[in-house]
């Protein structure tokens, strides 16, 4: 088992040395493959245009105005339209509770 590990390590070292001799480090760092689009791995992407940023802020502001306006003026959508019934007025039959004398 030790010999197979040594063989794997030897192949790895041979490939590493061969690759370092064939390509200089400066060229190896410049070899970046682009797939036809902006690359943003571990860095910020391109900054959006000013008009797009302003329009997104305006759209977000309108959305929050709409939500808060309707929460304030039409709160019945959340709390309900009708008054909540008083549970003290419910009978045992309505609640499904059997009578005390039943066994």
PDB file of N, CA and C in Angstrom:
ATOM      1  N   UNK A   1       0.829  -1.179   0.000  1.00  0.00           N
ATOM      2  CA  UNK A   1       0.000   0.000   0.000  1.00  0.00           C
ATOM      3  C   UNK A   1       0.877   1.248   0.000  1.00  0.00           C
ATOM      4  N   UNK A   2       1.939   1.203   0.705  1.00  0.00           N
ATOM      5  CA  UNK A   2       2.842   2.342   0.765  1.00  0.00           C
ATOM      6  C   UNK A   2       3.485   2.612  -0.591  1.00  0.00           C
ATOM      7  N   UNK A   3       3.754   1.528  -1.327  1.00  0.00           N
ATOM      8  CA  UNK A   3       4.371   1.713  -2.647  1.00  0.00           C
ATOM      9  C   UNK A   3       3.397   2.366  -3.629  1.00  0.00           C
ATOM     10  N   UNK A   4       2.093   2.034  -3.530  1.00  0.00           N
ATOM     11  CA  UNK A   4       1.127   2.652  -4.437  1.00  0.00           C
ATOM     12  C   UNK A   4       0.974   4.145  -4.127  1.00  0.00           C
ATOM     13  N   UNK A   5       1.029   4.486  -2.843  1.00  0.00           N
ATOM     14  CA  UNK A   5       0.961   5.908  -2.468  1.00  0.00           C
ATOM     15  C   UNK A   5       2.192   6.657  -2.961  1.00  0.00           C
ATOM     16  N   UNK A   6       3.342   6.011  -2.877  1.00  0.00           N
ATOM     17  CA  UNK A   6       4.577   6.634  -3.350  1.00  0.00           C
ATOM     18  C   UNK A   6       4.529   6.824  -4.859  1.00  0.00           C
ATOM     19  N   UNK A   7       3.943   5.865  -5.586  1.00  0.00           N
ATOM     20  CA  UNK A   7       3.819   5.997  -7.037  1.00  0.00           C
ATOM     21  C   UNK A   7       2.905   7.161  -7.400  1.00  0.00           C
ATOM     22  N   UNK A   8       1.788   7.305  -6.684  1.00  0.00           N
ATOM     23  CA  UNK A   8       0.876   8.436  -6.929  1.00  0.00           C
ATOM     24  C   UNK A   8       1.559   9.768  -6.646  1.00  0.00           C
ATOM     25  N   UNK A   9       2.286   9.834  -5.563  1.00  0.00           N
ATOM     26  CA  UNK A   9       3.000  11.059  -5.212  1.00  0.00           C
ATOM     27  C   UNK A   9       4.063  11.375  -6.259  1.00  0.00           C
ATOM     28  N   UNK A  10       4.768  10.343  -6.744  1.00  0.00           N
ATOM     29  CA  UNK A  10       5.782  10.543  -7.774  1.00  0.00           C
ATOM     30  C   UNK A  10       5.180  11.086  -9.054  1.00  0.00           C
ATOM     31  N   UNK A  11       4.029  10.522  -9.488  1.00  0.00           N
ATOM     32  CA  UNK A  11       3.363  11.021 -10.697  1.00  0.00           C
ATOM     33  C   UNK A  11       2.916  12.468 -10.523  1.00  0.00           C
ATOM     34  N   UNK A  12       2.382  12.780  -9.353  1.00  0.00           N
ATOM     35  CA  UNK A  12       1.926  14.147  -9.080  1.00  0.00           C
ATOM     36  C   UNK A  12       3.092  15.125  -9.141  1.00  0.00           C
ATOM     37  N   UNK A  13       4.197  14.770  -8.513  1.00  0.00           N
ATOM     38  CA  UNK A  13       5.376  15.647  -8.531  1.00  0.00           C
ATOM     39  C   UNK A  13       5.938  15.792  -9.942  1.00  0.00           C
ATOM     40  N   UNK A  14       5.943  14.692 -10.716  1.00  0.00           N
ATOM     41  CA  UNK A  14       6.442  14.743 -12.085  1.00  0.00           C
ATOM     42  C   UNK A  14       5.589  15.700 -12.932  1.00  0.00           C
ATOM     43  N   UNK A  15       4.258  15.604 -12.805  1.00  0.00           N
ATOM     44  CA  UNK A  15       3.372  16.499 -13.559  1.00  0.00           C
ATOM     45  C   UNK A  15       3.555  17.948 -13.127  1.00  0.00           C
ATOM     46  N   UNK A  16       3.707  18.183 -11.841  1.00  0.00           N
ATOM     47  CA  UNK A  16       3.876  19.539 -11.339  1.00  0.00           C
ATOM     48  C   UNK A  16       5.161  20.163 -11.865  1.00  0.00           C
ATOM     49  N   UNK A  17       6.228  19.402 -11.822  1.00  0.00           N
ATOM     50  CA  UNK A  17       7.517  19.910 -12.312  1.00  0.00           C
ATOM     51  C   UNK A  17       7.454  20.128 -13.816  1.00  0.00           C
ATOM     52  N   UNK A  18       6.842  19.202 -14.560  1.00  0.00           N
ATOM     53  CA  UNK A  18       6.741  19.330 -16.017  1.00  0.00           C
ATOM     54  C   UNK A  18       5.899  20.551 -16.388  1.00  0.00           C
ATOM     55  N   UNK A  19       4.800  20.787 -15.667  1.00  0.00           N
ATOM     56  CA  UNK A  19       3.955  21.941 -15.966  1.00  0.00           C
ATOM     57  C   UNK A  19       4.644  23.248 -15.618  1.00  0.00           C
ATOM     58  N   UNK A  20       5.409  23.252 -14.560  1.00  0.00           N
ATOM     59  CA  UNK A  20       6.073  24.506 -14.172  1.00  0.00           C
ATOM     60  C   UNK A  20       7.190  24.859 -15.137  1.00  0.00           C
ATOM     61  N   UNK A  21       7.788  23.853 -15.794  1.00  0.00           N
ATOM     62  CA  UNK A  21       8.853  24.137 -16.764  1.00  0.00           C
ATOM     63  C   UNK A  21       8.285  24.588 -18.102  1.00  0.00           C
ATOM     64  N   UNK A  22       7.107  24.041 -18.490  1.00  0.00           N
ATOM     65  CA  UNK A  22       6.578  24.351 -19.818  1.00  0.00           C
ATOM     66  C   UNK A  22       5.900  25.726 -19.869  1.00  0.00           C
ATOM     67  N   UNK A  23       5.356  26.184 -18.793  1.00  0.00           N
ATOM     68  CA  UNK A  23       4.652  27.473 -18.779  1.00  0.00           C
ATOM     69  C   UNK A  23       5.260  28.321 -17.678  1.00  0.00           C
ATOM     70  N   UNK A  24       5.682  29.500 -18.026  1.00  0.00           N
ATOM     71  CA  UNK A  24       6.252  30.378 -17.007  1.00  0.00           C
ATOM     72  C   UNK A  24       5.152  30.864 -16.078  1.00  0.00           C
ATOM     73  N   UNK A  25       5.464  31.181 -14.829  1.00  0.00           N
ATOM     74  CA  UNK A  25       4.435  31.602 -13.879  1.00  0.00           C
ATOM     75  C   UNK A  25       3.675  32.851 -14.317  1.00  0.00           C
ATOM     76  N   UNK A  26       4.336  33.793 -15.004  1.00  0.00           N
ATOM     77  CA  UNK A  26       3.640  35.013 -15.428  1.00  0.00           C
ATOM     78  C   UNK A  26       2.565  34.696 -16.459  1.00  0.00           C
ATOM     79  N   UNK A  27       2.885  33.772 -17.378  1.00  0.00           N
ATOM     80  CA  UNK A  27       1.905  33.414 -18.393  1.00  0.00           C
ATOM     81  C   UNK A  27       0.784  32.583 -17.771  1.00  0.00           C
ATOM     82  N   UNK A  28       1.112  31.698 -16.844  1.00  0.00           N
ATOM     83  CA  UNK A  28       0.105  30.852 -16.212  1.00  0.00           C
ATOM     84  C   UNK A  28      -0.933  31.689 -15.478  1.00  0.00           C
ATOM     85  N   UNK A  29      -0.537  32.794 -14.890  1.00  0.00           N
ATOM     86  CA  UNK A  29      -1.484  33.636 -14.168  1.00  0.00           C
ATOM     87  C   UNK A  29      -2.398  34.382 -15.127  1.00  0.00           C
ATOM     88  N   UNK A  30      -1.965  34.611 -16.356  1.00  0.00           N
ATOM     89  CA  UNK A  30      -2.771  35.347 -17.306  1.00  0.00           C
ATOM     90  C   UNK A  30      -3.745  34.458 -18.065  1.00  0.00           C
ATOM     91  N   UNK A  31      -3.591  33.155 -17.971  1.00  0.00           N
ATOM     92  CA  UNK A  31      -4.466  32.265 -18.721  1.00  0.00           C
ATOM     93  C   UNK A  31      -5.793  32.103 -17.984  1.00  0.00           C
ATOM     94  N   UNK A  32      -6.739  32.989 -18.311  1.00  0.00           N
ATOM     95  CA  UNK A  32      -8.067  32.946 -17.713  1.00  0.00           C
ATOM     96  C   UNK A  32      -9.051  32.659 -18.829  1.00  0.00           C
ATOM     97  N   UNK A  33      -9.899  31.707 -18.614  1.00  0.00           N
ATOM     98  CA  UNK A  33     -10.866  31.345 -19.641  1.00  0.00           C
ATOM     99  C   UNK A  33     -12.163  32.089 -19.379  1.00  0.00           C
ATOM    100  N   UNK A  34     -12.579  32.877 -20.342  1.00  0.00           N
ATOM    101  CA  UNK A  34     -13.844  33.599 -20.241  1.00  0.00           C
ATOM    102  C   UNK A  34     -14.870  32.902 -21.126  1.00  0.00           C
ATOM    103  N   UNK A  35     -16.037  32.725 -20.615  1.00  0.00           N
ATOM    104  CA  UNK A  35     -17.084  32.045 -21.370  1.00  0.00           C
ATOM    105  C   UNK A  35     -17.966  32.995 -22.145  1.00  0.00           C
ATOM    106  N   UNK A  36     -17.507  34.185 -22.466  1.00  0.00           N
ATOM    107  CA  UNK A  36     -18.304  35.114 -23.241  1.00  0.00           C
ATOM    108  C   UNK A  36     -19.158  36.027 -22.382  1.00  0.00           C
ATOM    109  N   UNK A  37     -18.931  36.059 -21.088  1.00  0.00           N
ATOM    110  CA  UNK A  37     -19.692  36.949 -20.205  1.00  0.00           C
ATOM    111  C   UNK A  37     -18.751  37.473 -19.131  1.00  0.00           C
ATOM    112  N   UNK A  38     -19.252  38.451 -18.390  1.00  0.00           N
ATOM    113  CA  UNK A  38     -18.429  39.034 -17.336  1.00  0.00           C
ATOM    114  C   UNK A  38     -18.224  38.026 -16.223  1.00  0.00           C
ATOM    115  N   UNK A  39     -17.033  37.948 -15.714  1.00  0.00           N
ATOM    116  CA  UNK A  39     -16.705  37.035 -14.629  1.00  0.00           C
ATOM    117  C   UNK A  39     -16.733  37.831 -13.335  1.00  0.00           C
ATOM    118  N   UNK A  40     -17.452  37.324 -12.348  1.00  0.00           N
ATOM    119  CA  UNK A  40     -17.516  38.037 -11.081  1.00  0.00           C
ATOM    120  C   UNK A  40     -17.276  37.099  -9.909  1.00  0.00           C
ATOM    121  N   UNK A  41     -16.397  36.143 -10.075  1.00  0.00           N
ATOM    122  CA  UNK A  41     -16.084  35.222  -8.997  1.00  0.00           C
ATOM    123  C   UNK A  41     -15.138  35.904  -8.019  1.00  0.00           C
ATOM    124  N   UNK A  42     -15.581  36.056  -6.789  1.00  0.00           N
ATOM    125  CA  UNK A  42     -14.820  36.690  -5.712  1.00  0.00           C
ATOM    126  C   UNK A  42     -14.440  38.138  -6.007  1.00  0.00           C
ATOM    127  N   UNK A  43     -15.244  38.799  -6.799  1.00  0.00           N
ATOM    128  CA  UNK A  43     -15.055  40.230  -7.038  1.00  0.00           C
ATOM    129  C   UNK A  43     -16.404  40.793  -7.455  1.00  0.00           C
ATOM    130  N   UNK A  44     -16.550  42.082  -7.307  1.00  0.00           N
ATOM    131  CA  UNK A  44     -17.804  42.712  -7.675  1.00  0.00           C
ATOM    132  C   UNK A  44     -17.979  42.677  -9.183  1.00  0.00           C
ATOM    133  N   UNK A  45     -19.225  42.563  -9.594  1.00  0.00           N
ATOM    134  CA  UNK A  45     -19.527  42.599 -11.012  1.00  0.00           C
ATOM    135  C   UNK A  45     -19.509  44.033 -11.509  1.00  0.00           C
ATOM    136  N   UNK A  46     -19.842  44.212 -12.776  1.00  0.00           N
ATOM    137  CA  UNK A  46     -19.867  45.568 -13.310  1.00  0.00           C
ATOM    138  C   UNK A  46     -20.955  46.393 -12.634  1.00  0.00           C
ATOM    139  N   UNK A  47     -20.694  47.663 -12.415  1.00  0.00           N
ATOM    140  CA  UNK A  47     -21.641  48.535 -11.738  1.00  0.00           C
ATOM    141  C   UNK A  47     -22.803  48.849 -12.673  1.00  0.00           C
ATOM    142  N   UNK A  48     -24.046  48.789 -12.179  1.00  0.00           N
ATOM    143  CA  UNK A  48     -25.173  49.116 -13.054  1.00  0.00           C
ATOM    144  C   UNK A  48     -25.175  50.605 -13.400  1.00  0.00           C
ATOM    145  N   UNK A  49     -25.877  50.925 -14.449  1.00  0.00           N
ATOM    146  CA  UNK A  49     -25.950  52.320 -14.867  1.00  0.00           C
ATOM    147  C   UNK A  49     -26.713  53.138 -13.833  1.00  0.00           C
ATOM    148  N   UNK A  50     -26.479  54.428 -13.833  1.00  0.00           N
ATOM    149  CA  UNK A  50     -27.121  55.317 -12.859  1.00  0.00           C
ATOM    150  C   UNK A  50     -28.630  55.312 -13.034  1.00  0.00           C
ATOM    151  N   UNK A  51     -29.103  55.316 -14.268  1.00  0.00           N
ATOM    152  CA  UNK A  51     -30.546  55.322 -14.513  1.00  0.00           C
ATOM    153  C   UNK A  51     -31.198  54.059 -13.957  1.00  0.00           C
ATOM    154  N   UNK A  52     -30.548  52.921 -14.103  1.00  0.00           N
ATOM    155  CA  UNK A  52     -31.106  51.670 -13.581  1.00  0.00           C
ATOM    156  C   UNK A  52     -31.163  51.698 -12.067  1.00  0.00           C
ATOM    157  N   UNK A  53     -30.126  52.241 -11.422  1.00  0.00           N
ATOM    158  CA  UNK A  53     -30.128  52.320  -9.959  1.00  0.00           C
ATOM    159  C   UNK A  53     -31.222  53.256  -9.466  1.00  0.00           C
ATOM    160  N   UNK A  54     -31.394  54.400 -10.127  1.00  0.00           N
ATOM    161  CA  UNK A  54     -32.428  55.362  -9.712  1.00  0.00           C
ATOM    162  C   UNK A  54     -33.812  54.756  -9.911  1.00  0.00           C
ATOM    163  N   UNK A  55     -34.036  54.106 -11.045  1.00  0.00           N
ATOM    164  CA  UNK A  55     -35.343  53.491 -11.295  1.00  0.00           C
ATOM    165  C   UNK A  55     -35.641  52.371 -10.299  1.00  0.00           C
ATOM    166  N   UNK A  56     -34.644  51.613  -9.916  1.00  0.00           N
ATOM    167  CA  UNK A  56     -34.888  50.548  -8.938  1.00  0.00           C
ATOM    168  C   UNK A  56     -35.227  51.137  -7.566  1.00  0.00           C
ATOM    169  N   UNK A  57     -34.573  52.239  -7.197  1.00  0.00           N
ATOM    170  CA  UNK A  57     -34.898  52.895  -5.929  1.00  0.00           C
ATOM    171  C   UNK A  57     -36.313  53.462  -5.961  1.00  0.00           C
ATOM    172  N   UNK A  58     -36.696  54.056  -7.067  1.00  0.00           N
ATOM    173  CA  UNK A  58     -38.055  54.614  -7.198  1.00  0.00           C
ATOM    174  C   UNK A  58     -39.091  53.490  -7.149  1.00  0.00           C
ATOM    175  N   UNK A  59     -38.834  52.393  -7.857  1.00  0.00           N
ATOM    176  CA  UNK A  59     -39.773  51.269  -7.854  1.00  0.00           C
ATOM    177  C   UNK A  59     -39.904  50.678  -6.448  1.00  0.00           C
ATOM    178  N   UNK A  60     -38.788  50.540  -5.729  1.00  0.00           N
ATOM    179  CA  UNK A  60     -38.850  50.036  -4.360  1.00  0.00           C
ATOM    180  C   UNK A  60     -39.603  50.977  -3.438  1.00  0.00           C
ATOM    181  N   UNK A  61     -39.398  52.286  -3.608  1.00  0.00           N
ATOM    182  CA  UNK A  61     -40.128  53.264  -2.809  1.00  0.00           C
ATOM    183  C   UNK A  61     -41.622  53.217  -3.063  1.00  0.00           C
ATOM    184  N   UNK A  62     -42.004  53.097  -4.338  1.00  0.00           N
ATOM    185  CA  UNK A  62     -43.436  52.987  -4.664  1.00  0.00           C
ATOM    186  C   UNK A  62     -44.045  51.711  -4.082  1.00  0.00           C
ATOM    187  N   UNK A  63     -43.302  50.623  -4.137  1.00  0.00           N
ATOM    188  CA  UNK A  63     -43.813  49.372  -3.592  1.00  0.00           C
ATOM    189  C   UNK A  63     -44.055  49.490  -2.091  1.00  0.00           C
ATOM    190  N   UNK A  64     -43.072  50.059  -1.368  1.00  0.00           N
ATOM    191  CA  UNK A  64     -43.251  50.196   0.076  1.00  0.00           C
ATOM    192  C   UNK A  64     -44.340  51.199   0.406  1.00  0.00           C
ATOM    193  N   UNK A  65     -44.492  52.265  -0.365  1.00  0.00           N
ATOM    194  CA  UNK A  65     -45.596  53.206  -0.132  1.00  0.00           C
ATOM    195  C   UNK A  65     -46.925  52.482  -0.295  1.00  0.00           C
ATOM    196  N   UNK A  66     -47.054  51.687  -1.353  1.00  0.00           N
ATOM    197  CA  UNK A  66     -48.286  50.943  -1.612  1.00  0.00           C
ATOM    198  C   UNK A  66     -48.600  49.998  -0.452  1.00  0.00           C
ATOM    199  N   UNK A  67     -47.628  49.255   0.018  1.00  0.00           N
ATOM    200  CA  UNK A  67     -47.851  48.291   1.100  1.00  0.00           C
ATOM    201  C   UNK A  67     -48.249  49.008   2.384  1.00  0.00           C
ATOM    202  N   UNK A  68     -47.481  50.022   2.773  1.00  0.00           N
ATOM    203  CA  UNK A  68     -47.766  50.712   4.037  1.00  0.00           C
ATOM    204  C   UNK A  68     -49.068  51.503   3.980  1.00  0.00           C
ATOM    205  N   UNK A  69     -49.385  52.093   2.839  1.00  0.00           N
ATOM    206  CA  UNK A  69     -50.648  52.831   2.683  1.00  0.00           C
ATOM    207  C   UNK A  69     -51.822  51.889   2.891  1.00  0.00           C
ATOM    208  N   UNK A  70     -51.780  50.732   2.284  1.00  0.00           N
ATOM    209  CA  UNK A  70     -52.893  49.791   2.410  1.00  0.00           C
ATOM    210  C   UNK A  70     -52.916  49.114   3.775  1.00  0.00           C
ATOM    211  N   UNK A  71     -51.780  48.939   4.409  1.00  0.00           N
ATOM    212  CA  UNK A  71     -51.804  48.419   5.779  1.00  0.00           C
ATOM    213  C   UNK A  71     -52.478  49.407   6.720  1.00  0.00           C
ATOM    214  N   UNK A  72     -52.273  50.700   6.484  1.00  0.00           N
ATOM    215  CA  UNK A  72     -52.850  51.713   7.359  1.00  0.00           C
ATOM    216  C   UNK A  72     -54.331  51.923   7.071  1.00  0.00           C
ATOM    217  N   UNK A  73     -54.714  51.974   5.790  1.00  0.00           N
ATOM    218  CA  UNK A  73     -56.087  52.321   5.433  1.00  0.00           C
ATOM    219  C   UNK A  73     -56.998  51.119   5.262  1.00  0.00           C
ATOM    220  N   UNK A  74     -56.458  49.957   4.987  1.00  0.00           N
ATOM    221  CA  UNK A  74     -57.288  48.769   4.795  1.00  0.00           C
ATOM    222  C   UNK A  74     -56.758  47.624   5.653  1.00  0.00           C
ATOM    223  N   UNK A  75     -56.627  47.873   6.941  1.00  0.00           N
ATOM    224  CA  UNK A  75     -56.065  46.884   7.861  1.00  0.00           C
ATOM    225  C   UNK A  75     -56.969  45.680   8.040  1.00  0.00           C
ATOM    226  N   UNK A  76     -58.243  45.766   7.583  1.00  0.00           N
ATOM    227  CA  UNK A  76     -59.152  44.633   7.730  1.00  0.00           C
ATOM    228  C   UNK A  76     -58.693  43.409   6.942  1.00  0.00           C
ATOM    229  N   UNK A  77     -57.844  43.634   5.957  1.00  0.00           N
ATOM    230  CA  UNK A  77     -57.313  42.483   5.212  1.00  0.00           C
ATOM    231  C   UNK A  77     -56.474  41.591   6.122  1.00  0.00           C
ATOM    232  N   UNK A  78     -55.884  42.171   7.145  1.00  0.00           N
ATOM    233  CA  UNK A  78     -55.047  41.398   8.065  1.00  0.00           C
ATOM    234  C   UNK A  78     -55.826  41.006   9.315  1.00  0.00           C
ATOM    235  N   UNK A  79     -56.536  41.970   9.900  1.00  0.00           N
ATOM    236  CA  UNK A  79     -57.232  41.699  11.157  1.00  0.00           C
ATOM    237  C   UNK A  79     -58.578  41.027  10.953  1.00  0.00           C
ATOM    238  N   UNK A  80     -59.126  41.068   9.772  1.00  0.00           N
ATOM    239  CA  UNK A  80     -60.433  40.485   9.507  1.00  0.00           C
ATOM    240  C   UNK A  80     -61.496  41.572   9.445  1.00  0.00           C
ATOM    241  N   UNK A  81     -62.551  41.313   8.671  1.00  0.00           N
ATOM    242  CA  UNK A  81     -63.588  42.315   8.460  1.00  0.00           C
ATOM    243  C   UNK A  81     -64.563  42.399   9.618  1.00  0.00           C
ATOM    244  N   UNK A  82     -64.819  41.279  10.255  1.00  0.00           N
ATOM    245  CA  UNK A  82     -65.871  41.215  11.260  1.00  0.00           C
ATOM    246  C   UNK A  82     -65.267  41.134  12.657  1.00  0.00           C
ATOM    247  N   UNK A  83     -66.082  41.495  13.648  1.00  0.00           N
ATOM    248  CA  UNK A  83     -65.636  41.394  15.039  1.00  0.00           C
ATOM    249  C   UNK A  83     -65.440  39.932  15.420  1.00  0.00           C
ATOM    250  N   UNK A  84     -64.441  39.681  16.254  1.00  0.00           N
ATOM    251  CA  UNK A  84     -64.175  38.324  16.717  1.00  0.00           C
ATOM    252  C   UNK A  84     -65.239  37.948  17.744  1.00  0.00           C
ATOM    253  N   UNK A  85     -65.835  36.764  17.620  1.00  0.00           N
ATOM    254  CA  UNK A  85     -66.887  36.385  18.576  1.00  0.00           C
ATOM    255  C   UNK A  85     -66.320  36.182  19.982  1.00  0.00           C
ATOM    256  N   UNK A  86     -67.170  36.450  20.960  1.00  0.00           N
ATOM    257  CA  UNK A  86     -66.767  36.308  22.358  1.00  0.00           C
ATOM    258  C   UNK A  86     -66.817  34.823  22.739  1.00  0.00           C
ATOM    259  N   UNK A  87     -65.678  34.204  23.070  1.00  0.00           N
ATOM    260  CA  UNK A  87     -65.681  32.769  23.401  1.00  0.00           C
ATOM    261  C   UNK A  87     -66.479  32.450  24.660  1.00  0.00           C
ATOM    262  N   UNK A  88     -66.695  33.419  25.541  1.00  0.00           N
ATOM    263  CA  UNK A  88     -67.457  33.154  26.761  1.00  0.00           C
ATOM    264  C   UNK A  88     -68.919  32.847  26.450  1.00  0.00           C
ATOM    265  N   UNK A  89     -69.414  33.262  25.305  1.00  0.00           N
ATOM    266  CA  UNK A  89     -70.825  33.039  24.940  1.00  0.00           C
ATOM    267  C   UNK A  89     -71.030  31.714  24.227  1.00  0.00           C
ATOM    268  N   UNK A  90     -69.982  30.977  23.916  1.00  0.00           N
ATOM    269  CA  UNK A  90     -70.133  29.706  23.225  1.00  0.00           C
ATOM    270  C   UNK A  90     -70.656  28.646  24.186  1.00  0.00           C
ATOM    271  N   UNK A  91     -71.504  27.786  23.686  1.00  0.00           N
ATOM    272  CA  UNK A  91     -72.055  26.718  24.527  1.00  0.00           C
ATOM    273  C   UNK A  91     -71.167  25.485  24.406  1.00  0.00           C
ATOM    274  N   UNK A  92     -71.363  24.556  25.351  1.00  0.00           N
ATOM    275  CA  UNK A  92     -70.602  23.306  25.326  1.00  0.00           C
ATOM    276  C   UNK A  92     -70.925  22.496  24.075  1.00  0.00           C
ATOM    277  N   UNK A  93     -72.167  22.550  23.627  1.00  0.00           N
ATOM    278  CA  UNK A  93     -72.564  21.798  22.430  1.00  0.00           C
ATOM    279  C   UNK A  93     -71.837  22.345  21.196  1.00  0.00           C
ATOM    280  N   UNK A  94     -71.698  23.678  21.115  1.00  0.00           N
ATOM    281  CA  UNK A  94     -70.990  24.272  19.979  1.00  0.00           C
ATOM    282  C   UNK A  94     -69.505  23.889  19.985  1.00  0.00           C
ATOM    283  N   UNK A  95     -68.961  23.736  21.171  1.00  0.00           N
ATOM    284  CA  UNK A  95     -67.549  23.401  21.295  1.00  0.00           C
ATOM    285  C   UNK A  95     -67.290  21.898  21.211  1.00  0.00           C
ATOM    286  N   UNK A  96     -68.356  21.093  21.250  1.00  0.00           N
ATOM    287  CA  UNK A  96     -68.197  19.647  21.158  1.00  0.00           C
ATOM    288  C   UNK A  96     -67.836  19.008  22.491  1.00  0.00           C
ATOM    289  N   UNK A  97     -68.181  19.671  23.595  1.00  0.00           N
ATOM    290  CA  UNK A  97     -67.891  19.151  24.930  1.00  0.00           C
ATOM    291  C   UNK A  97     -69.103  18.367  25.417  1.00  0.00           C
ATOM    292  N   UNK A  98     -68.943  17.106  25.840  1.00  0.00           N
ATOM    293  CA  UNK A  98     -70.113  16.338  26.307  1.00  0.00           C
ATOM    294  C   UNK A  98     -70.638  16.909  27.638  1.00  0.00           C
ATOM    295  N   UNK A  99     -71.884  16.595  27.904  1.00  0.00           N
ATOM    296  CA  UNK A  99     -72.510  17.063  29.145  1.00  0.00           C
ATOM    297  C   UNK A  99     -71.858  16.415  30.363  1.00  0.00           C
ATOM    298  N   UNK A 100     -71.973  17.072  31.537  1.00  0.00           N
ATOM    299  CA  UNK A 100     -71.341  16.567  32.756  1.00  0.00           C
ATOM    300  C   UNK A 100     -71.940  15.256  33.251  1.00  0.00           C
ATOM    301  N   UNK A 101     -73.239  15.048  33.024  1.00  0.00           N
ATOM    302  CA  UNK A 101     -73.877  13.851  33.552  1.00  0.00           C
ATOM    303  C   UNK A 101     -73.655  12.646  32.652  1.00  0.00           C
ATOM    304  N   UNK A 102     -73.077  12.842  31.488  1.00  0.00           N
ATOM    305  CA  UNK A 102     -72.802  11.740  30.575  1.00  0.00           C
ATOM    306  C   UNK A 102     -71.534  11.011  30.994  1.00  0.00           C
ATOM    307  N   UNK A 103     -71.556   9.682  30.904  1.00  0.00           N
ATOM    308  CA  UNK A 103     -70.352   8.923  31.248  1.00  0.00           C
ATOM    309  C   UNK A 103     -70.037   7.897  30.214  1.00  0.00           C
TER     310      UNK A 103
END
